Amino acid sequence: MPSSESLRRAGDGFRSVAVLIGPDQWDLPTPCDGWSVRELVGHVAAASQMAAVLADGGTRDDAIVTLGVDHLGDDPLAALTNALERQATALDRNGVDTEVLEHPAGDMPGSQVIAFRLGDLVAHQWDLARAIGADETLDAELVAEVWDGIQPMLPMMGAVGVFGEGPSGTLADDAPLQLRLLDAMGRRP
């Protein structure tokens, strides 16, 4: 299972792209259907805050309320930094990986919440980079961790609804791992 250290690195990777967003780029479309750059960054901030709420003992209802809040305000980068740090600190607490958390998708151990957040951050780093024309190269070790985690879900990824159409089925088994991961997550680079 991914570690809280991997989650921190993924947060740092996402933030390293977010700091490149120009003032005129917040309304640009992203590969996430219907989301602007601001909405994508807002999603990452809200989901990071939600994970921290859960790790700090919050309920499913607390998590749902947290997801419904605009966390970006007038200083999106500061809000994002705060959310990523809060998430990293909360999910680094000793024992949180084995605690059962009341995630909106169902009760699950903290280790699974970490895995979900890791995948979200890695995929959305690429989405954000694509949207603003930044370097789309992802951390190879994080890509491998996310890939290992989604292997059991590959056959149903398209049916879940959060990964677009899921894997295209058009990539060779020896295609670069980043490309296979993005394809599995419904992205068509």
N, C-alpha and C. Protein backbone atom coordinates (compact mmCIF):
# COMPACT_ATOMS: atom_id res chain seq x y z
N MET A 1 0.83 -1.19 0.00
CA MET A 1 0.00 0.00 0.00
C MET A 1 0.87 1.25 0.00
N PRO A 2 0.43 2.29 -0.66
CA PRO A 2 1.19 3.55 -0.67
C PRO A 2 1.34 4.11 0.75
N SER A 3 2.41 4.82 0.94
CA SER A 3 2.71 5.40 2.25
C SER A 3 2.30 6.87 2.30
N SER A 4 2.26 7.39 3.52
CA SER A 4 1.97 8.81 3.67
C SER A 4 3.09 9.65 3.05
N GLU A 5 4.29 9.10 3.00
CA GLU A 5 5.40 9.82 2.35
C GLU A 5 5.15 9.95 0.85
N SER A 6 4.63 8.90 0.24
CA SER A 6 4.27 8.96 -1.19
C SER A 6 3.18 9.99 -1.41
N LEU A 7 2.22 10.03 -0.50
CA LEU A 7 1.14 11.00 -0.61
C LEU A 7 1.69 12.43 -0.53
N ARG A 8 2.62 12.66 0.38
CA ARG A 8 3.23 13.99 0.49
C ARG A 8 3.95 14.35 -0.81
N ARG A 9 4.70 13.40 -1.38
CA ARG A 9 5.41 13.66 -2.64
C ARG A 9 4.43 13.97 -3.77
N ALA A 10 3.32 13.24 -3.80
CA ALA A 10 2.32 13.49 -4.84
C ALA A 10 1.70 14.88 -4.67
N GLY A 11 1.45 15.26 -3.43
CA GLY A 11 0.95 16.61 -3.17
C GLY A 11 1.94 17.67 -3.62
N ASP A 12 3.22 17.43 -3.33
CA ASP A 12 4.25 18.37 -3.77
C ASP A 12 4.31 18.45 -5.29
N GLY A 13 4.13 17.31 -5.95
CA GLY A 13 4.14 17.29 -7.42
C GLY A 13 2.98 18.07 -8.00
N PHE A 14 1.79 17.89 -7.42
CA PHE A 14 0.64 18.64 -7.90
C PHE A 14 0.86 20.14 -7.68
N ARG A 15 1.33 20.49 -6.51
CA ARG A 15 1.55 21.91 -6.20
C ARG A 15 2.62 22.51 -7.13
N SER A 16 3.63 21.71 -7.49
CA SER A 16 4.69 22.24 -8.37
C SER A 16 4.14 22.65 -9.73
N VAL A 17 3.05 22.04 -10.15
CA VAL A 17 2.40 22.45 -11.40
C VAL A 17 1.44 23.61 -11.12
N ALA A 18 0.75 23.55 -10.00
CA ALA A 18 -0.23 24.60 -9.68
C ALA A 18 0.43 25.98 -9.59
N VAL A 19 1.65 26.04 -9.11
CA VAL A 19 2.32 27.36 -8.98
C VAL A 19 2.62 27.96 -10.35
N LEU A 20 2.51 27.16 -11.40
CA LEU A 20 2.77 27.65 -12.76
C LEU A 20 1.53 28.25 -13.42
N ILE A 21 0.38 28.12 -12.77
CA ILE A 21 -0.87 28.62 -13.36
C ILE A 21 -0.78 30.14 -13.51
N GLY A 22 -0.93 30.61 -14.73
CA GLY A 22 -0.92 32.05 -14.98
C GLY A 22 -2.26 32.67 -14.64
N PRO A 23 -2.29 33.97 -14.41
CA PRO A 23 -3.54 34.65 -14.04
C PRO A 23 -4.66 34.45 -15.06
N ASP A 24 -4.29 34.26 -16.31
CA ASP A 24 -5.29 34.10 -17.36
C ASP A 24 -5.61 32.63 -17.65
N GLN A 25 -5.12 31.71 -16.82
CA GLN A 25 -5.31 30.28 -17.09
C GLN A 25 -6.34 29.60 -16.18
N TRP A 26 -6.85 30.29 -15.17
CA TRP A 26 -7.76 29.67 -14.21
C TRP A 26 -9.07 29.19 -14.83
N ASP A 27 -9.48 29.79 -15.93
CA ASP A 27 -10.74 29.39 -16.57
C ASP A 27 -10.55 28.43 -17.74
N LEU A 28 -9.30 28.04 -18.00
CA LEU A 28 -9.05 27.10 -19.10
C LEU A 28 -9.71 25.76 -18.82
N PRO A 29 -10.13 25.05 -19.87
CA PRO A 29 -10.68 23.71 -19.67
C PRO A 29 -9.56 22.72 -19.35
N THR A 30 -9.92 21.64 -18.69
CA THR A 30 -8.97 20.57 -18.36
C THR A 30 -9.44 19.28 -19.01
N PRO A 31 -8.62 18.24 -18.99
CA PRO A 31 -9.07 16.95 -19.50
C PRO A 31 -10.23 16.34 -18.68
N CYS A 32 -10.50 16.88 -17.51
CA CYS A 32 -11.63 16.42 -16.69
C CYS A 32 -12.88 17.10 -17.22
N ASP A 33 -13.74 16.33 -17.82
CA ASP A 33 -14.90 16.85 -18.53
C ASP A 33 -15.68 17.86 -17.70
N GLY A 34 -15.77 19.08 -18.23
CA GLY A 34 -16.55 20.13 -17.60
C GLY A 34 -15.85 20.91 -16.51
N TRP A 35 -14.60 20.59 -16.21
CA TRP A 35 -13.88 21.28 -15.15
C TRP A 35 -12.87 22.26 -15.73
N SER A 36 -12.88 23.46 -15.18
CA SER A 36 -11.85 24.45 -15.49
C SER A 36 -10.64 24.16 -14.61
N VAL A 37 -9.56 24.87 -14.86
CA VAL A 37 -8.37 24.75 -14.01
C VAL A 37 -8.74 25.06 -12.56
N ARG A 38 -9.49 26.13 -12.34
CA ARG A 38 -9.88 26.47 -10.96
C ARG A 38 -10.71 25.36 -10.32
N GLU A 39 -11.63 24.78 -11.07
CA GLU A 39 -12.46 23.70 -10.53
C GLU A 39 -11.63 22.45 -10.22
N LEU A 40 -10.64 22.17 -11.06
CA LEU A 40 -9.76 21.03 -10.80
C LEU A 40 -8.95 21.26 -9.53
N VAL A 41 -8.35 22.43 -9.40
CA VAL A 41 -7.57 22.75 -8.19
C VAL A 41 -8.50 22.75 -6.97
N GLY A 42 -9.71 23.26 -7.14
CA GLY A 42 -10.67 23.25 -6.05
C GLY A 42 -11.04 21.84 -5.62
N HIS A 43 -11.18 20.94 -6.59
CA HIS A 43 -11.47 19.54 -6.29
C HIS A 43 -10.34 18.94 -5.46
N VAL A 44 -9.10 19.18 -5.88
CA VAL A 44 -7.95 18.63 -5.15
C VAL A 44 -7.90 19.19 -3.73
N ALA A 45 -8.13 20.48 -3.59
CA ALA A 45 -8.12 21.08 -2.25
C ALA A 45 -9.24 20.51 -1.38
N ALA A 46 -10.45 20.40 -1.93
CA ALA A 46 -11.59 19.89 -1.16
C ALA A 46 -11.38 18.43 -0.78
N ALA A 47 -10.91 17.61 -1.71
CA ALA A 47 -10.69 16.20 -1.40
C ALA A 47 -9.56 16.01 -0.39
N SER A 48 -8.56 16.88 -0.45
CA SER A 48 -7.48 16.82 0.54
C SER A 48 -7.98 17.20 1.92
N GLN A 49 -8.79 18.24 1.99
CA GLN A 49 -9.39 18.64 3.27
C GLN A 49 -10.31 17.53 3.79
N MET A 50 -11.07 16.91 2.90
CA MET A 50 -11.96 15.82 3.29
C MET A 50 -11.17 14.66 3.89
N ALA A 51 -10.06 14.29 3.26
CA ALA A 51 -9.24 13.19 3.78
C ALA A 51 -8.71 13.53 5.17
N ALA A 52 -8.32 14.79 5.36
CA ALA A 52 -7.83 15.21 6.68
C ALA A 52 -8.94 15.15 7.72
N VAL A 53 -10.14 15.57 7.36
CA VAL A 53 -11.28 15.49 8.28
C VAL A 53 -11.50 14.05 8.71
N LEU A 54 -11.47 13.12 7.75
CA LEU A 54 -11.67 11.71 8.08
C LEU A 54 -10.57 11.18 8.98
N ALA A 55 -9.33 11.50 8.65
CA ALA A 55 -8.20 11.02 9.45
C ALA A 55 -8.22 11.59 10.85
N ASP A 56 -8.81 12.76 11.00
CA ASP A 56 -8.92 13.40 12.32
C ASP A 56 -10.17 12.96 13.09
N GLY A 57 -10.86 11.93 12.59
CA GLY A 57 -12.00 11.38 13.30
C GLY A 57 -13.36 11.85 12.82
N GLY A 58 -13.40 12.57 11.72
CA GLY A 58 -14.68 13.06 11.19
C GLY A 58 -15.54 11.94 10.66
N THR A 59 -16.81 12.24 10.54
CA THR A 59 -17.78 11.27 10.04
C THR A 59 -17.96 11.42 8.54
N ARG A 60 -18.70 10.49 7.97
CA ARG A 60 -19.04 10.55 6.54
C ARG A 60 -19.76 11.86 6.23
N ASP A 61 -20.69 12.25 7.11
CA ASP A 61 -21.42 13.51 6.90
C ASP A 61 -20.47 14.70 6.93
N ASP A 62 -19.50 14.69 7.86
CA ASP A 62 -18.50 15.76 7.91
C ASP A 62 -17.72 15.82 6.58
N ALA A 63 -17.38 14.64 6.06
CA ALA A 63 -16.62 14.57 4.81
C ALA A 63 -17.42 15.14 3.65
N ILE A 64 -18.69 14.79 3.59
CA ILE A 64 -19.55 15.27 2.50
C ILE A 64 -19.70 16.78 2.56
N VAL A 65 -19.87 17.31 3.76
CA VAL A 65 -19.97 18.77 3.92
C VAL A 65 -18.67 19.42 3.45
N THR A 66 -17.53 18.84 3.83
CA THR A 66 -16.22 19.39 3.44
C THR A 66 -16.06 19.41 1.93
N LEU A 67 -16.52 18.37 1.26
CA LEU A 67 -16.40 18.32 -0.20
C LEU A 67 -17.25 19.39 -0.89
N GLY A 68 -18.30 19.85 -0.21
CA GLY A 68 -19.19 20.84 -0.81
C GLY A 68 -18.79 22.28 -0.62
N VAL A 69 -17.64 22.51 -0.01
CA VAL A 69 -17.19 23.87 0.29
C VAL A 69 -16.15 24.32 -0.75
N ASP A 70 -16.23 25.60 -1.15
CA ASP A 70 -15.17 26.17 -1.99
C ASP A 70 -14.02 26.53 -1.08
N HIS A 71 -12.96 25.75 -1.14
CA HIS A 71 -11.81 25.96 -0.26
C HIS A 71 -10.81 26.96 -0.82
N LEU A 72 -10.94 27.37 -2.07
CA LEU A 72 -9.91 28.19 -2.70
C LEU A 72 -9.98 29.67 -2.34
N GLY A 73 -11.16 30.22 -2.23
CA GLY A 73 -11.28 31.63 -1.87
C GLY A 73 -10.52 32.54 -2.81
N ASP A 74 -9.97 33.62 -2.23
CA ASP A 74 -9.25 34.63 -3.02
C ASP A 74 -7.78 34.31 -3.25
N ASP A 75 -7.26 33.29 -2.56
CA ASP A 75 -5.86 32.92 -2.70
C ASP A 75 -5.76 31.41 -2.93
N PRO A 76 -6.07 30.97 -4.16
CA PRO A 76 -6.13 29.54 -4.44
C PRO A 76 -4.85 28.77 -4.11
N LEU A 77 -3.69 29.35 -4.39
CA LEU A 77 -2.44 28.62 -4.13
C LEU A 77 -2.19 28.44 -2.64
N ALA A 78 -2.48 29.46 -1.85
CA ALA A 78 -2.32 29.32 -0.40
C ALA A 78 -3.31 28.30 0.15
N ALA A 79 -4.54 28.32 -0.36
CA ALA A 79 -5.56 27.36 0.09
C ALA A 79 -5.16 25.94 -0.29
N LEU A 80 -4.65 25.77 -1.50
CA LEU A 80 -4.20 24.45 -1.94
C LEU A 80 -3.05 23.96 -1.06
N THR A 81 -2.08 24.83 -0.83
CA THR A 81 -0.94 24.45 0.00
C THR A 81 -1.40 24.03 1.39
N ASN A 82 -2.32 24.80 1.96
CA ASN A 82 -2.85 24.47 3.28
C ASN A 82 -3.56 23.12 3.27
N ALA A 83 -4.38 22.87 2.26
CA ALA A 83 -5.13 21.61 2.18
C ALA A 83 -4.19 20.42 2.03
N LEU A 84 -3.19 20.55 1.17
CA LEU A 84 -2.25 19.44 0.95
C LEU A 84 -1.43 19.16 2.21
N GLU A 85 -1.04 20.22 2.92
CA GLU A 85 -0.27 20.03 4.15
C GLU A 85 -1.14 19.41 5.23
N ARG A 86 -2.36 19.89 5.34
CA ARG A 86 -3.28 19.32 6.35
C ARG A 86 -3.52 17.84 6.08
N GLN A 87 -3.73 17.49 4.82
CA GLN A 87 -3.92 16.08 4.45
C GLN A 87 -2.69 15.25 4.79
N ALA A 88 -1.52 15.73 4.39
CA ALA A 88 -0.29 14.98 4.62
C ALA A 88 -0.04 14.75 6.11
N THR A 89 -0.27 15.77 6.91
CA THR A 89 -0.07 15.65 8.35
C THR A 89 -1.08 14.68 8.97
N ALA A 90 -2.34 14.81 8.61
CA ALA A 90 -3.38 13.95 9.18
C ALA A 90 -3.19 12.49 8.80
N LEU A 91 -2.82 12.23 7.56
CA LEU A 91 -2.67 10.85 7.10
C LEU A 91 -1.30 10.27 7.43
N ASP A 92 -0.44 11.06 8.06
CA ASP A 92 0.86 10.57 8.51
C ASP A 92 0.82 10.14 9.98
N ARG A 93 -0.31 10.37 10.62
CA ARG A 93 -0.44 10.03 12.04
C ARG A 93 -0.28 8.52 12.23
N ASN A 94 0.46 8.16 13.24
CA ASN A 94 0.72 6.76 13.54
C ASN A 94 -0.59 6.00 13.73
N GLY A 95 -0.79 4.93 13.00
CA GLY A 95 -1.96 4.08 13.13
C GLY A 95 -3.12 4.41 12.23
N VAL A 96 -3.09 5.57 11.57
CA VAL A 96 -4.24 5.96 10.73
C VAL A 96 -4.45 4.99 9.58
N ASP A 97 -3.38 4.35 9.12
CA ASP A 97 -3.51 3.45 7.97
C ASP A 97 -4.38 2.23 8.28
N THR A 98 -4.48 1.83 9.54
CA THR A 98 -5.30 0.67 9.89
C THR A 98 -6.67 1.05 10.47
N GLU A 99 -6.87 2.32 10.77
CA GLU A 99 -8.17 2.77 11.28
C GLU A 99 -9.21 2.72 10.16
N VAL A 100 -10.43 2.39 10.51
CA VAL A 100 -11.52 2.40 9.54
C VAL A 100 -12.10 3.81 9.52
N LEU A 101 -12.08 4.42 8.34
CA LEU A 101 -12.56 5.79 8.16
C LEU A 101 -13.89 5.76 7.41
N GLU A 102 -14.76 6.70 7.72
CA GLU A 102 -16.09 6.77 7.12
C GLU A 102 -16.08 7.57 5.81
N HIS A 103 -15.38 7.07 4.83
CA HIS A 103 -15.30 7.73 3.53
C HIS A 103 -16.68 7.77 2.87
N PRO A 104 -16.98 8.82 2.10
CA PRO A 104 -18.27 8.88 1.41
C PRO A 104 -18.55 7.66 0.51
N ALA A 105 -17.50 7.02 0.00
CA ALA A 105 -17.68 5.84 -0.85
C ALA A 105 -17.88 4.56 -0.04
N GLY A 106 -17.79 4.65 1.28
CA GLY A 106 -17.95 3.49 2.16
C GLY A 106 -16.82 3.43 3.17
N ASP A 107 -17.05 2.70 4.23
CA ASP A 107 -16.02 2.54 5.25
C ASP A 107 -14.80 1.84 4.66
N MET A 108 -13.62 2.34 5.00
CA MET A 108 -12.38 1.75 4.48
C MET A 108 -11.22 2.11 5.40
N PRO A 109 -10.17 1.29 5.37
CA PRO A 109 -8.99 1.62 6.18
C PRO A 109 -8.30 2.87 5.65
N GLY A 110 -7.61 3.56 6.54
CA GLY A 110 -6.87 4.75 6.16
C GLY A 110 -5.91 4.49 5.01
N SER A 111 -5.34 3.29 4.95
CA SER A 111 -4.41 2.96 3.86
C SER A 111 -5.10 3.06 2.50
N GLN A 112 -6.38 2.71 2.44
CA GLN A 112 -7.11 2.82 1.18
C GLN A 112 -7.41 4.28 0.85
N VAL A 113 -7.69 5.08 1.86
CA VAL A 113 -7.90 6.52 1.63
C VAL A 113 -6.60 7.12 1.08
N ILE A 114 -5.47 6.72 1.66
CA ILE A 114 -4.17 7.20 1.16
C ILE A 114 -4.00 6.80 -0.30
N ALA A 115 -4.33 5.55 -0.63
CA ALA A 115 -4.19 5.08 -2.01
C ALA A 115 -5.11 5.87 -2.96
N PHE A 116 -6.34 6.12 -2.53
CA PHE A 116 -7.26 6.92 -3.35
C PHE A 116 -6.70 8.31 -3.60
N ARG A 117 -6.23 8.95 -2.53
CA ARG A 117 -5.72 10.30 -2.66
C ARG A 117 -4.47 10.34 -3.52
N LEU A 118 -3.61 9.34 -3.38
CA LEU A 118 -2.40 9.27 -4.20
C LEU A 118 -2.77 9.20 -5.68
N GLY A 119 -3.68 8.31 -6.03
CA GLY A 119 -4.09 8.20 -7.43
C GLY A 119 -4.72 9.48 -7.95
N ASP A 120 -5.53 10.11 -7.11
CA ASP A 120 -6.18 11.36 -7.50
C ASP A 120 -5.14 12.45 -7.77
N LEU A 121 -4.17 12.58 -6.90
CA LEU A 121 -3.16 13.62 -7.06
C LEU A 121 -2.29 13.38 -8.30
N VAL A 122 -1.89 12.14 -8.52
CA VAL A 122 -1.03 11.84 -9.67
C VAL A 122 -1.79 12.11 -10.97
N ALA A 123 -3.02 11.59 -11.07
CA ALA A 123 -3.79 11.80 -12.31
C ALA A 123 -4.07 13.28 -12.54
N HIS A 124 -4.45 13.98 -11.48
CA HIS A 124 -4.80 15.39 -11.65
C HIS A 124 -3.58 16.28 -11.86
N GLN A 125 -2.41 15.83 -11.45
CA GLN A 125 -1.20 16.58 -11.80
C GLN A 125 -1.05 16.59 -13.31
N TRP A 126 -1.27 15.45 -13.93
CA TRP A 126 -1.19 15.38 -15.38
C TRP A 126 -2.27 16.24 -16.02
N ASP A 127 -3.51 16.14 -15.50
CA ASP A 127 -4.61 16.93 -16.04
C ASP A 127 -4.28 18.42 -16.02
N LEU A 128 -3.76 18.86 -14.88
CA LEU A 128 -3.44 20.28 -14.73
C LEU A 128 -2.31 20.68 -15.67
N ALA A 129 -1.28 19.85 -15.74
CA ALA A 129 -0.15 20.15 -16.64
C ALA A 129 -0.63 20.24 -18.09
N ARG A 130 -1.48 19.31 -18.49
CA ARG A 130 -2.01 19.32 -19.86
C ARG A 130 -2.80 20.59 -20.12
N ALA A 131 -3.61 20.99 -19.14
CA ALA A 131 -4.47 22.16 -19.31
C ALA A 131 -3.68 23.45 -19.48
N ILE A 132 -2.58 23.59 -18.74
CA ILE A 132 -1.84 24.86 -18.78
C ILE A 132 -0.59 24.80 -19.65
N GLY A 133 -0.34 23.65 -20.29
CA GLY A 133 0.81 23.53 -21.18
C GLY A 133 2.12 23.35 -20.45
N ALA A 134 2.09 22.76 -19.27
CA ALA A 134 3.32 22.52 -18.49
C ALA A 134 3.84 21.10 -18.78
N ASP A 135 5.00 20.79 -18.23
CA ASP A 135 5.61 19.47 -18.37
C ASP A 135 4.66 18.41 -17.79
N GLU A 136 4.32 17.41 -18.58
CA GLU A 136 3.36 16.38 -18.17
C GLU A 136 4.02 15.15 -17.56
N THR A 137 5.33 15.17 -17.39
CA THR A 137 6.04 14.02 -16.85
C THR A 137 5.72 13.86 -15.37
N LEU A 138 5.28 12.66 -15.00
CA LEU A 138 4.95 12.36 -13.61
C LEU A 138 6.09 11.60 -12.95
N ASP A 139 6.14 11.65 -11.63
CA ASP A 139 7.13 10.92 -10.84
C ASP A 139 6.96 9.42 -11.12
N ALA A 140 7.98 8.79 -11.68
CA ALA A 140 7.90 7.39 -12.12
C ALA A 140 7.60 6.44 -10.96
N GLU A 141 8.16 6.71 -9.79
CA GLU A 141 7.90 5.84 -8.64
C GLU A 141 6.44 5.94 -8.19
N LEU A 142 5.89 7.14 -8.22
CA LEU A 142 4.49 7.32 -7.84
C LEU A 142 3.57 6.69 -8.88
N VAL A 143 3.91 6.82 -10.14
CA VAL A 143 3.13 6.18 -11.20
C VAL A 143 3.10 4.67 -10.97
N ALA A 144 4.25 4.09 -10.64
CA ALA A 144 4.31 2.64 -10.40
C ALA A 144 3.47 2.25 -9.19
N GLU A 145 3.49 3.06 -8.12
CA GLU A 145 2.67 2.77 -6.94
C GLU A 145 1.18 2.80 -7.27
N VAL A 146 0.77 3.82 -8.00
CA VAL A 146 -0.65 3.93 -8.37
C VAL A 146 -1.03 2.77 -9.29
N TRP A 147 -0.16 2.47 -10.25
CA TRP A 147 -0.43 1.38 -11.19
C TRP A 147 -0.61 0.06 -10.43
N ASP A 148 0.27 -0.22 -9.50
CA ASP A 148 0.16 -1.45 -8.71
C ASP A 148 -1.16 -1.49 -7.96
N GLY A 149 -1.60 -0.35 -7.45
CA GLY A 149 -2.83 -0.29 -6.69
C GLY A 149 -4.09 -0.47 -7.50
N ILE A 150 -4.06 -0.06 -8.78
CA ILE A 150 -5.28 -0.16 -9.59
C ILE A 150 -5.37 -1.45 -10.38
N GLN A 151 -4.33 -2.24 -10.38
CA GLN A 151 -4.34 -3.49 -11.17
C GLN A 151 -5.61 -4.32 -10.95
N PRO A 152 -6.02 -4.57 -9.69
CA PRO A 152 -7.22 -5.40 -9.52
C PRO A 152 -8.49 -4.75 -10.05
N MET A 153 -8.48 -3.44 -10.22
CA MET A 153 -9.69 -2.73 -10.66
C MET A 153 -9.75 -2.50 -12.17
N LEU A 154 -8.69 -2.82 -12.90
CA LEU A 154 -8.65 -2.51 -14.33
C LEU A 154 -9.88 -3.00 -15.10
N PRO A 155 -10.36 -4.22 -14.88
CA PRO A 155 -11.50 -4.67 -15.67
C PRO A 155 -12.78 -3.85 -15.45
N MET A 156 -12.90 -3.19 -14.31
CA MET A 156 -14.14 -2.45 -14.03
C MET A 156 -13.96 -0.93 -14.01
N MET A 157 -12.79 -0.45 -14.37
CA MET A 157 -12.51 0.99 -14.27
C MET A 157 -13.48 1.83 -15.09
N GLY A 158 -13.86 1.40 -16.26
CA GLY A 158 -14.78 2.18 -17.09
C GLY A 158 -16.19 2.23 -16.51
N ALA A 159 -16.57 1.19 -15.78
CA ALA A 159 -17.92 1.13 -15.23
C ALA A 159 -18.10 1.94 -13.96
N VAL A 160 -16.99 2.29 -13.30
CA VAL A 160 -17.06 3.01 -12.03
C VAL A 160 -17.61 4.42 -12.23
N GLY A 161 -17.28 5.04 -13.35
CA GLY A 161 -17.82 6.35 -13.67
C GLY A 161 -16.89 7.51 -13.36
N VAL A 162 -15.85 7.29 -12.57
CA VAL A 162 -14.94 8.40 -12.25
C VAL A 162 -13.67 8.36 -13.09
N PHE A 163 -13.55 7.36 -13.96
CA PHE A 163 -12.37 7.23 -14.80
C PHE A 163 -12.73 7.31 -16.27
N GLY A 164 -13.70 8.15 -16.60
CA GLY A 164 -14.13 8.27 -17.99
C GLY A 164 -14.55 6.91 -18.50
N GLU A 165 -14.07 6.57 -19.66
CA GLU A 165 -14.40 5.28 -20.25
C GLU A 165 -13.47 4.18 -19.78
N GLY A 166 -12.53 4.52 -18.89
CA GLY A 166 -11.58 3.51 -18.42
C GLY A 166 -10.55 3.19 -19.50
N PRO A 167 -9.89 2.04 -19.37
CA PRO A 167 -8.84 1.69 -20.34
C PRO A 167 -9.38 1.59 -21.77
N SER A 168 -8.61 2.10 -22.71
CA SER A 168 -9.03 2.07 -24.11
C SER A 168 -8.87 0.69 -24.72
N GLY A 169 -7.95 -0.10 -24.18
CA GLY A 169 -7.67 -1.42 -24.75
C GLY A 169 -6.80 -1.35 -25.99
N THR A 170 -6.24 -0.17 -26.27
CA THR A 170 -5.45 0.00 -27.49
C THR A 170 -3.95 0.04 -27.24
N LEU A 171 -3.53 0.04 -25.98
CA LEU A 171 -2.10 0.16 -25.69
C LEU A 171 -1.44 -1.20 -25.53
N ALA A 172 -0.23 -1.30 -26.02
CA ALA A 172 0.54 -2.52 -25.85
C ALA A 172 0.99 -2.66 -24.40
N ASP A 173 1.22 -3.88 -23.96
CA ASP A 173 1.66 -4.14 -22.59
C ASP A 173 3.01 -3.52 -22.29
N ASP A 174 3.79 -3.22 -23.34
CA ASP A 174 5.10 -2.62 -23.11
C ASP A 174 5.11 -1.10 -23.35
N ALA A 175 3.92 -0.50 -23.47
CA ALA A 175 3.85 0.97 -23.58
C ALA A 175 4.37 1.56 -22.28
N PRO A 176 4.87 2.79 -22.31
CA PRO A 176 5.37 3.41 -21.07
C PRO A 176 4.31 3.37 -19.98
N LEU A 177 4.75 3.10 -18.76
CA LEU A 177 3.82 2.92 -17.64
C LEU A 177 2.96 4.16 -17.41
N GLN A 178 3.53 5.36 -17.52
CA GLN A 178 2.72 6.57 -17.33
C GLN A 178 1.58 6.59 -18.34
N LEU A 179 1.84 6.25 -19.56
CA LEU A 179 0.82 6.24 -20.60
C LEU A 179 -0.25 5.20 -20.29
N ARG A 180 0.16 4.00 -19.84
CA ARG A 180 -0.81 2.95 -19.50
C ARG A 180 -1.66 3.37 -18.31
N LEU A 181 -1.05 4.01 -17.32
CA LEU A 181 -1.81 4.46 -16.14
C LEU A 181 -2.84 5.52 -16.55
N LEU A 182 -2.41 6.51 -17.29
CA LEU A 182 -3.33 7.56 -17.72
C LEU A 182 -4.46 6.98 -18.56
N ASP A 183 -4.14 6.06 -19.45
CA ASP A 183 -5.15 5.42 -20.28
C ASP A 183 -6.15 4.65 -19.40
N ALA A 184 -5.66 3.92 -18.42
CA ALA A 184 -6.53 3.17 -17.51
C ALA A 184 -7.47 4.10 -16.76
N MET A 185 -6.99 5.32 -16.49
CA MET A 185 -7.78 6.29 -15.75
C MET A 185 -8.62 7.17 -16.69
N GLY A 186 -8.79 6.73 -17.93
CA GLY A 186 -9.67 7.40 -18.86
C GLY A 186 -9.07 8.58 -19.60
N ARG A 187 -7.76 8.78 -19.44
CA ARG A 187 -7.11 9.87 -20.17
C ARG A 187 -6.56 9.33 -21.47
N ARG A 188 -6.60 10.14 -22.51
CA ARG A 188 -6.08 9.73 -23.82
C ARG A 188 -5.02 10.73 -24.27
N PRO A 189 -3.81 10.61 -23.67
CA PRO A 189 -2.75 11.60 -23.97
C PRO A 189 -2.39 11.72 -25.44
